[in-house]
Amino acid sequence: MSGLKHLSDGIARSVAAGGLAPVYLLWGADQTSISAAVALLRDAALRPGGVSTGMEAFNHEQFDAPYVLSAAEVLNACGQVPMMGDRRLVELSSPEDWGRHKRAEELDGDVKAPESKRDDAIAALIDYFDAPNPSTVLVVTSSGINGTSKLVKAAKKAKHVVECQMAPAGEGEAASELLSEAQRRQLPLSQAGAHALVGAVGTSLSELIPALERAVAFSGGARVEREHVEAVVATTREANAFDLTDAIGRSDHTQALEILARMFHTGEKDSGQAMKLLGLLLWQTRRLCTVKFARDPAAALNSKPYAVRKLQDQASGFDEDRLRAAYAGLARLDADLKGGSKLAYESPYIALQRWVLDTCGALPLVDPRGAS
């Protein structure tokens, strides 16, 4: 099950037992689930039982750690007494980048390095985990930390903290969760229909349920099968440049062409759409070249190690010559789409398909179009 479902069950249990936990740490790559979980916690903390007190604004504070100088600002907010309510809610996002966007002149002569100030803030936050204010719910969210971070390790040990990793569900997991939710809502759905919905919409339950309801309406109340999904549910699943270059790295031209087709909307296979996609491909291919050839890719990209590792995994699918040829082909395509080639200008979608086939080596008897 997804992290969101685990958290929802945990909230339901804690509320039934008499209250929310004083601290929640929600972290991971699934921003959709993190946002939904925060919304759920807001309602539980500020509108218990779904009833508004009219004092929500006075009992709710939000902090974005990159714009906060010290943990004291956040912890002072946590220490305040609720106004005409049972709880205060304090939200803190991106603690791994504490103070990153504060200007040097705002430090009031403090010569401590930013990394040291960040470490001090994290340490203060960890100390709070051990003795939190019971009338405050502190919700800390992050997509930039991992399971080895001090914050996560401390949260796992602290008895007052609910720690939850929000990882995107896999397709099989999402289909199983959708089937369970459909049964709970008494919506008729077959296993094939569930997998078709996930293939069309993605793994987010918040997007799958409305799509399922449309399919149920179309089926006239009969069990939703794949053909019902294909008839009424548009393919909205995100297909991005990372997916495309990943398929190209594996020389899987069939999947690459399928992803390319999804990146073009019906009726929008024009030069404007092509240039947007070309910009994404150039950006992604430059990053792959950087991790392939730079001595210190993390510094060159100003990216976190886990992000660099993902790029390195993808770049490993390219040998040096093929990666250079891919970038050269994009440079040639850029010139063609701007008027250098009448065919490319008038049929940009076909030009991009040709680039995919060239880069995947799917046209062995045809000379590739490089940057000549």
Protein backbone atom coordinates (compact mmCIF):
# COMPACT_ATOMS: atom_id res chain seq x y z
CA MET A 1 0.00 0.00 0.00
CA SER A 2 1.08 3.58 -0.52
CA GLY A 3 2.56 5.70 2.24
CA LEU A 4 -0.59 7.85 2.16
CA LYS A 5 -2.84 4.90 3.00
CA HIS A 6 -0.59 3.88 5.88
CA LEU A 7 -0.69 7.45 7.17
CA SER A 8 -4.47 7.72 6.76
CA ASP A 9 -4.92 4.55 8.79
CA GLY A 10 -2.52 5.88 11.41
CA ILE A 11 -4.41 9.15 11.73
CA ALA A 12 -7.72 7.33 12.04
CA ARG A 13 -6.31 5.13 14.80
CA SER A 14 -4.69 8.02 16.68
CA VAL A 15 -7.83 10.17 16.52
CA ALA A 16 -9.96 7.24 17.71
CA ALA A 17 -7.51 6.70 20.57
CA GLY A 18 -7.79 10.32 21.66
CA GLY A 19 -5.51 12.49 19.60
CA LEU A 20 -2.95 13.11 16.88
CA ALA A 21 0.77 12.60 17.33
CA PRO A 22 2.65 15.80 18.22
CA VAL A 23 5.14 15.38 15.32
CA TYR A 24 4.91 13.92 11.81
CA LEU A 25 7.86 13.53 9.42
CA LEU A 26 6.68 12.91 5.85
CA TRP A 27 9.49 12.39 3.36
CA GLY A 28 10.14 10.86 -0.04
CA ALA A 29 9.73 11.40 -3.76
CA ASP A 30 5.94 11.21 -3.95
CA GLN A 31 4.98 14.88 -3.65
CA THR A 32 1.35 14.17 -4.50
CA SER A 33 0.95 11.85 -1.52
CA ILE A 34 2.84 14.22 0.77
CA SER A 35 0.53 17.11 -0.17
CA ALA A 36 -2.56 14.96 0.31
CA ALA A 37 -1.29 13.75 3.69
CA VAL A 38 -0.64 17.32 4.86
CA ALA A 39 -4.18 18.30 3.84
CA LEU A 40 -5.51 15.36 5.83
CA LEU A 41 -3.52 16.40 8.89
CA ARG A 42 -4.71 19.99 8.58
CA ASP A 43 -8.32 18.90 8.75
CA ALA A 44 -7.68 16.54 11.66
CA ALA A 45 -5.75 19.14 13.67
CA LEU A 46 -7.64 22.34 12.89
CA ARG A 47 -11.14 21.05 12.15
CA PRO A 48 -11.61 18.02 14.42
CA GLY A 49 -14.69 16.09 13.43
CA GLY A 50 -15.01 18.28 10.35
CA VAL A 51 -16.24 21.22 12.45
CA SER A 52 -14.68 24.66 11.96
CA THR A 53 -13.81 26.63 15.08
CA GLY A 54 -13.34 29.88 13.15
CA MET A 55 -9.86 30.16 14.66
CA GLU A 56 -7.93 28.07 12.12
CA ALA A 57 -5.84 31.00 10.85
CA PHE A 58 -4.70 31.87 14.38
CA ASN A 59 -3.60 28.32 15.11
CA HIS A 60 -1.78 27.56 11.86
CA GLU A 61 1.75 28.60 10.83
CA GLN A 62 3.83 27.52 7.84
CA PHE A 63 7.61 27.75 7.41
CA ASP A 64 9.77 27.02 4.37
CA ALA A 65 13.16 26.14 5.89
CA PRO A 66 15.33 27.57 3.05
CA TYR A 67 13.96 31.01 4.00
CA VAL A 68 14.29 30.57 7.79
CA LEU A 69 17.45 31.60 9.63
CA SER A 70 17.21 29.31 12.67
CA ALA A 71 15.13 26.59 14.26
CA ALA A 72 14.13 29.01 17.02
CA GLU A 73 11.55 30.66 14.73
CA VAL A 74 9.81 27.33 14.18
CA LEU A 75 10.16 26.00 17.71
CA ASN A 76 8.82 29.25 19.20
CA ALA A 77 5.73 28.79 17.05
CA CYS A 78 5.43 25.22 18.31
CA GLY A 79 5.60 26.44 21.92
CA GLN A 80 2.64 28.80 21.69
CA VAL A 81 -0.70 28.03 23.31
CA PRO A 82 -3.67 27.28 20.99
CA MET A 83 -6.22 30.09 20.70
CA MET A 84 -9.74 28.90 21.50
CA GLY A 85 -8.96 25.42 20.19
CA ASP A 86 -7.35 22.14 21.19
CA ARG A 87 -4.29 22.32 18.92
CA ARG A 88 -1.96 24.45 16.89
CA LEU A 89 -0.59 23.22 13.58
CA VAL A 90 2.95 24.14 12.48
CA GLU A 91 4.23 23.06 9.06
CA LEU A 92 7.91 23.00 8.10
CA SER A 93 9.10 22.11 4.59
CA SER A 94 12.58 21.29 3.17
CA PRO A 95 14.64 21.20 6.40
CA GLU A 96 17.60 19.81 4.44
CA ASP A 97 18.06 23.28 2.86
CA TRP A 98 17.72 25.33 6.03
CA GLY A 99 18.64 29.00 5.49
CA ARG A 100 19.82 28.38 1.92
CA HIS A 101 18.09 31.43 0.43
CA LYS A 102 18.88 33.90 3.20
CA ARG A 103 21.24 36.71 2.15
CA ALA A 104 24.56 37.12 3.92
CA GLU A 105 23.59 40.58 5.26
CA GLU A 106 20.64 39.00 7.06
CA LEU A 107 22.95 36.93 9.24
CA ASP A 108 23.77 39.95 11.48
CA GLY A 109 27.49 39.33 11.45
CA ASP A 110 27.18 35.62 12.12
CA VAL A 111 30.18 34.13 10.34
CA LYS A 112 29.08 30.53 10.68
CA ALA A 113 29.06 28.60 7.42
CA PRO A 114 25.59 27.85 6.01
CA GLU A 115 26.21 24.11 6.44
CA SER A 116 26.99 24.63 10.14
CA LYS A 117 23.85 26.73 10.67
CA ARG A 118 21.81 24.04 8.92
CA ASP A 119 23.31 21.34 11.15
CA ASP A 120 22.51 23.42 14.24
CA ALA A 121 18.90 23.83 13.11
CA ILE A 122 18.52 20.10 12.41
CA ALA A 123 20.00 19.28 15.83
CA ALA A 124 17.53 21.64 17.53
CA LEU A 125 14.67 20.04 15.63
CA ILE A 126 15.81 16.57 16.69
CA ASP A 127 15.95 17.74 20.32
CA TYR A 128 12.33 18.88 19.98
CA PHE A 129 11.36 15.38 18.81
CA ASP A 130 12.15 14.08 22.32
CA ALA A 131 9.98 16.62 24.16
CA PRO A 132 7.37 18.15 21.82
CA ASN A 133 4.55 20.44 22.91
CA PRO A 134 1.51 18.12 23.26
CA SER A 135 -0.91 20.87 22.14
CA THR A 136 0.93 21.45 18.84
CA VAL A 137 1.06 19.20 15.77
CA LEU A 138 4.35 19.77 13.93
CA VAL A 139 4.36 18.44 10.36
CA VAL A 140 7.81 18.28 8.71
CA THR A 141 7.91 17.49 4.98
CA SER A 142 10.85 16.83 2.67
CA SER A 143 11.57 15.40 -0.76
CA GLY A 144 15.33 15.93 -0.42
CA ILE A 145 16.28 13.65 2.47
CA ASN A 146 16.73 9.87 2.49
CA GLY A 147 16.57 7.04 4.98
CA THR A 148 20.15 7.62 6.16
CA SER A 149 19.63 11.26 7.18
CA LYS A 150 19.92 12.26 10.84
CA LEU A 151 16.37 13.56 10.79
CA VAL A 152 14.84 10.27 9.62
CA LYS A 153 16.97 8.18 12.01
CA ALA A 154 15.97 10.37 14.96
CA ALA A 155 12.29 10.29 13.97
CA LYS A 156 12.30 6.48 13.82
CA LYS A 157 13.61 6.33 17.40
CA ALA A 158 11.44 9.07 18.92
CA LYS A 159 8.25 7.77 20.55
CA HIS A 160 6.34 11.01 19.89
CA VAL A 161 7.04 11.11 16.13
CA VAL A 162 5.15 9.43 13.27
CA GLU A 163 7.68 8.93 10.45
CA CYS A 164 6.42 7.98 7.00
CA GLN A 165 8.22 7.59 3.68
CA MET A 166 6.12 8.64 0.69
CA ALA A 167 7.38 6.59 -2.25
CA PRO A 168 5.45 6.46 -5.52
CA ALA A 169 3.45 3.27 -5.79
CA GLY A 170 4.39 0.77 -8.45
CA GLU A 171 1.83 -0.11 -11.13
CA GLY A 172 0.89 -3.46 -9.60
CA GLU A 173 0.60 -1.94 -6.14
CA ALA A 174 -1.52 0.94 -7.46
CA ALA A 175 -3.86 -1.45 -9.29
CA SER A 176 -4.33 -3.53 -6.13
CA GLU A 177 -5.04 -0.43 -4.06
CA LEU A 178 -7.50 0.80 -6.67
CA LEU A 179 -9.35 -2.55 -6.60
CA SER A 180 -9.60 -2.37 -2.80
CA GLU A 181 -10.85 1.20 -2.91
CA ALA A 182 -13.37 0.33 -5.65
CA GLN A 183 -14.72 -2.51 -3.51
CA ARG A 184 -15.02 -0.18 -0.51
CA ARG A 185 -16.96 2.33 -2.61
CA GLN A 186 -19.00 -0.43 -4.27
CA LEU A 187 -17.74 0.52 -7.74
CA PRO A 188 -17.65 -2.50 -10.14
CA LEU A 189 -14.11 -2.99 -11.46
CA SER A 190 -12.24 -5.94 -12.96
CA GLN A 191 -8.55 -6.58 -12.50
CA ALA A 192 -7.95 -5.88 -16.20
CA GLY A 193 -9.87 -2.63 -15.88
CA ALA A 194 -7.77 -1.60 -12.88
CA HIS A 195 -4.51 -2.18 -14.76
CA ALA A 196 -5.89 -0.29 -17.77
CA LEU A 197 -6.75 2.67 -15.54
CA VAL A 198 -3.27 2.72 -14.01
CA GLY A 199 -1.74 2.52 -17.49
CA ALA A 200 -3.86 5.44 -18.67
CA VAL A 201 -3.84 7.75 -15.64
CA GLY A 202 -0.89 6.80 -13.45
CA THR A 203 -0.47 5.56 -9.88
CA SER A 204 -2.10 8.41 -7.95
CA LEU A 205 -5.29 7.20 -6.26
CA SER A 206 -6.67 10.75 -6.20
CA GLU A 207 -6.57 10.76 -10.02
CA LEU A 208 -7.60 7.12 -10.49
CA ILE A 209 -10.91 7.36 -8.60
CA PRO A 210 -12.44 10.13 -10.82
CA ALA A 211 -11.30 8.20 -13.90
CA LEU A 212 -12.93 5.04 -12.54
CA GLU A 213 -16.18 6.90 -11.87
CA ARG A 214 -16.26 8.08 -15.51
CA ALA A 215 -15.69 4.52 -16.69
CA VAL A 216 -18.47 3.21 -14.41
CA ALA A 217 -20.89 5.80 -15.81
CA PHE A 218 -19.98 4.73 -19.34
CA SER A 219 -20.40 1.02 -18.55
CA GLY A 220 -23.92 1.64 -17.24
CA GLY A 221 -23.06 0.10 -13.89
CA ALA A 222 -21.57 -3.07 -15.36
CA ARG A 223 -18.12 -4.18 -14.23
CA VAL A 224 -15.50 -1.89 -15.74
CA GLU A 225 -13.26 -3.72 -18.20
CA ARG A 226 -10.33 -2.56 -20.31
CA GLU A 227 -12.58 -1.58 -23.25
CA HIS A 228 -14.60 0.79 -21.03
CA VAL A 229 -11.41 2.47 -19.87
CA GLU A 230 -10.08 2.84 -23.40
CA ALA A 231 -13.38 4.35 -24.53
CA VAL A 232 -13.65 7.19 -22.02
CA VAL A 233 -10.40 7.72 -20.10
CA ALA A 234 -7.83 9.86 -21.88
CA THR A 235 -4.21 8.89 -21.43
CA THR A 236 -3.03 11.57 -19.03
CA ARG A 237 -0.07 9.75 -17.55
CA GLU A 238 3.00 11.91 -17.58
CA ALA A 239 5.64 10.83 -20.06
CA ASN A 240 8.70 13.03 -19.65
CA ALA A 241 12.11 13.51 -21.11
CA PHE A 242 13.67 11.25 -18.49
CA ASP A 243 11.45 8.35 -19.56
CA LEU A 244 12.22 8.99 -23.22
CA THR A 245 15.99 9.18 -22.82
CA ASP A 246 15.88 6.13 -20.55
CA ALA A 247 14.22 4.09 -23.31
CA ILE A 248 16.69 5.45 -25.87
CA GLY A 249 19.59 4.50 -23.59
CA ARG A 250 18.33 0.92 -23.70
CA SER A 251 17.98 1.17 -27.51
CA ASP A 252 14.29 0.35 -27.06
CA HIS A 253 13.01 2.36 -30.02
CA THR A 254 9.50 0.88 -29.77
CA GLN A 255 8.93 2.15 -26.24
CA ALA A 256 10.71 5.42 -27.06
CA LEU A 257 8.33 6.07 -29.95
CA GLU A 258 5.34 5.27 -27.73
CA ILE A 259 6.55 7.76 -25.11
CA LEU A 260 7.19 10.35 -27.82
CA ALA A 261 3.62 9.90 -29.09
CA ARG A 262 2.21 10.52 -25.59
CA MET A 263 4.28 13.68 -25.24
CA PHE A 264 2.47 15.15 -28.22
CA HIS A 265 -1.18 16.04 -27.70
CA THR A 266 -3.68 15.37 -30.45
CA GLY A 267 -3.71 18.23 -32.93
CA GLU A 268 -0.56 19.79 -31.45
CA LYS A 269 2.13 18.08 -33.52
CA ASP A 270 3.41 21.51 -34.60
CA SER A 271 6.73 23.31 -34.36
CA GLY A 272 5.82 25.00 -31.07
CA GLN A 273 5.16 21.67 -29.37
CA ALA A 274 8.29 20.20 -30.93
CA MET A 275 10.48 23.06 -29.70
CA LYS A 276 9.21 22.61 -26.14
CA LEU A 277 10.05 18.93 -26.29
CA LEU A 278 13.41 19.62 -27.94
CA GLY A 279 14.29 21.96 -25.06
CA LEU A 280 13.54 19.19 -22.55
CA LEU A 281 15.60 16.67 -24.51
CA LEU A 282 18.56 19.02 -24.84
CA TRP A 283 18.42 19.76 -21.09
CA GLN A 284 18.28 16.08 -20.18
CA THR A 285 20.97 15.03 -22.67
CA ARG A 286 23.30 17.79 -21.41
CA ARG A 287 22.87 16.39 -17.90
CA LEU A 288 23.67 12.90 -19.14
CA CYS A 289 26.80 14.22 -20.87
CA THR A 290 27.82 15.95 -17.64
CA VAL A 291 27.59 12.82 -15.50
CA LYS A 292 29.34 10.82 -18.23
CA PHE A 293 32.28 13.16 -18.78
CA ALA A 294 32.66 15.54 -15.79
CA ARG A 295 35.15 14.80 -13.02
CA ASP A 296 32.70 15.95 -10.33
CA PRO A 297 29.16 15.61 -11.72
CA ALA A 298 27.43 16.60 -8.46
CA ALA A 299 29.30 19.91 -8.34
CA ALA A 300 28.88 20.55 -12.07
CA LEU A 301 25.12 19.97 -11.87
CA ASN A 302 24.67 21.44 -8.39
CA SER A 303 22.52 18.39 -7.66
CA LYS A 304 22.15 16.09 -4.70
CA PRO A 305 23.95 12.71 -4.80
CA TYR A 306 20.77 10.64 -5.19
CA ALA A 307 19.74 12.70 -8.25
CA VAL A 308 23.20 12.28 -9.78
CA ARG A 309 23.07 8.52 -9.20
CA LYS A 310 19.80 8.30 -11.15
CA LEU A 311 21.40 10.17 -14.05
CA GLN A 312 24.52 7.99 -13.90
CA ASP A 313 22.35 4.87 -14.06
CA GLN A 314 20.66 6.21 -17.17
CA ALA A 315 23.91 7.42 -18.78
CA SER A 316 25.37 3.93 -18.35
CA GLY A 317 23.00 2.83 -21.12
CA PHE A 318 24.91 4.99 -23.59
CA ASP A 319 28.46 4.45 -24.76
CA GLU A 320 30.48 7.63 -25.33
CA ASP A 321 30.01 7.71 -29.10
CA ARG A 322 26.25 7.18 -28.95
CA LEU A 323 25.74 9.86 -26.32
CA ARG A 324 27.76 12.37 -28.35
CA ALA A 325 25.78 11.40 -31.45
CA ALA A 326 22.49 11.87 -29.58
CA TYR A 327 23.46 15.39 -28.54
CA ALA A 328 24.80 16.22 -32.01
CA GLY A 329 21.54 14.98 -33.53
CA LEU A 330 19.54 17.27 -31.23
CA ALA A 331 21.72 20.23 -32.22
CA ARG A 332 21.06 19.45 -35.89
CA LEU A 333 17.34 19.05 -35.16
CA ASP A 334 17.26 22.41 -33.40
CA ALA A 335 18.56 24.09 -36.57
CA ASP A 336 16.17 22.09 -38.76
CA LEU A 337 13.09 23.03 -36.72
CA LYS A 338 14.04 26.69 -36.89
CA GLY A 339 13.90 26.62 -40.68
CA GLY A 340 17.01 24.74 -41.69
CA SER A 341 14.95 21.92 -43.13
CA LYS A 342 11.59 22.38 -44.89
CA LEU A 343 10.59 18.80 -44.06
CA ALA A 344 11.43 19.14 -40.36
CA TYR A 345 9.75 22.55 -40.13
CA GLU A 346 6.54 21.25 -41.72
CA SER A 347 6.60 17.80 -40.03
CA PRO A 348 8.39 18.25 -36.67
CA TYR A 349 6.86 15.11 -35.18
CA ILE A 350 8.34 12.99 -37.98
CA ALA A 351 11.70 14.70 -37.50
CA LEU A 352 11.70 13.78 -33.81
CA GLN A 353 10.73 10.21 -34.64
CA ARG A 354 13.70 10.08 -37.02
CA TRP A 355 16.01 11.31 -34.26
CA VAL A 356 14.74 8.58 -31.92
CA LEU A 357 15.32 5.88 -34.55
CA ASP A 358 18.79 7.23 -35.40
CA THR A 359 19.85 7.39 -31.75
CA CYS A 360 18.53 3.90 -31.00
CA GLY A 361 20.36 2.52 -34.03
CA ALA A 362 17.07 1.24 -35.42
CA LEU A 363 17.94 2.20 -39.02
CA PRO A 364 21.10 0.15 -39.70
CA LEU A 365 21.11 0.69 -43.48
CA VAL A 366 20.46 4.45 -43.24
CA ASP A 367 23.09 7.08 -42.45
CA PRO A 368 22.17 8.86 -39.18
CA ARG A 369 21.53 12.59 -39.31
CA GLY A 370 24.19 14.13 -37.13
CA ALA A 371 25.48 17.65 -36.61
CA SER A 372 27.28 18.08 -39.88
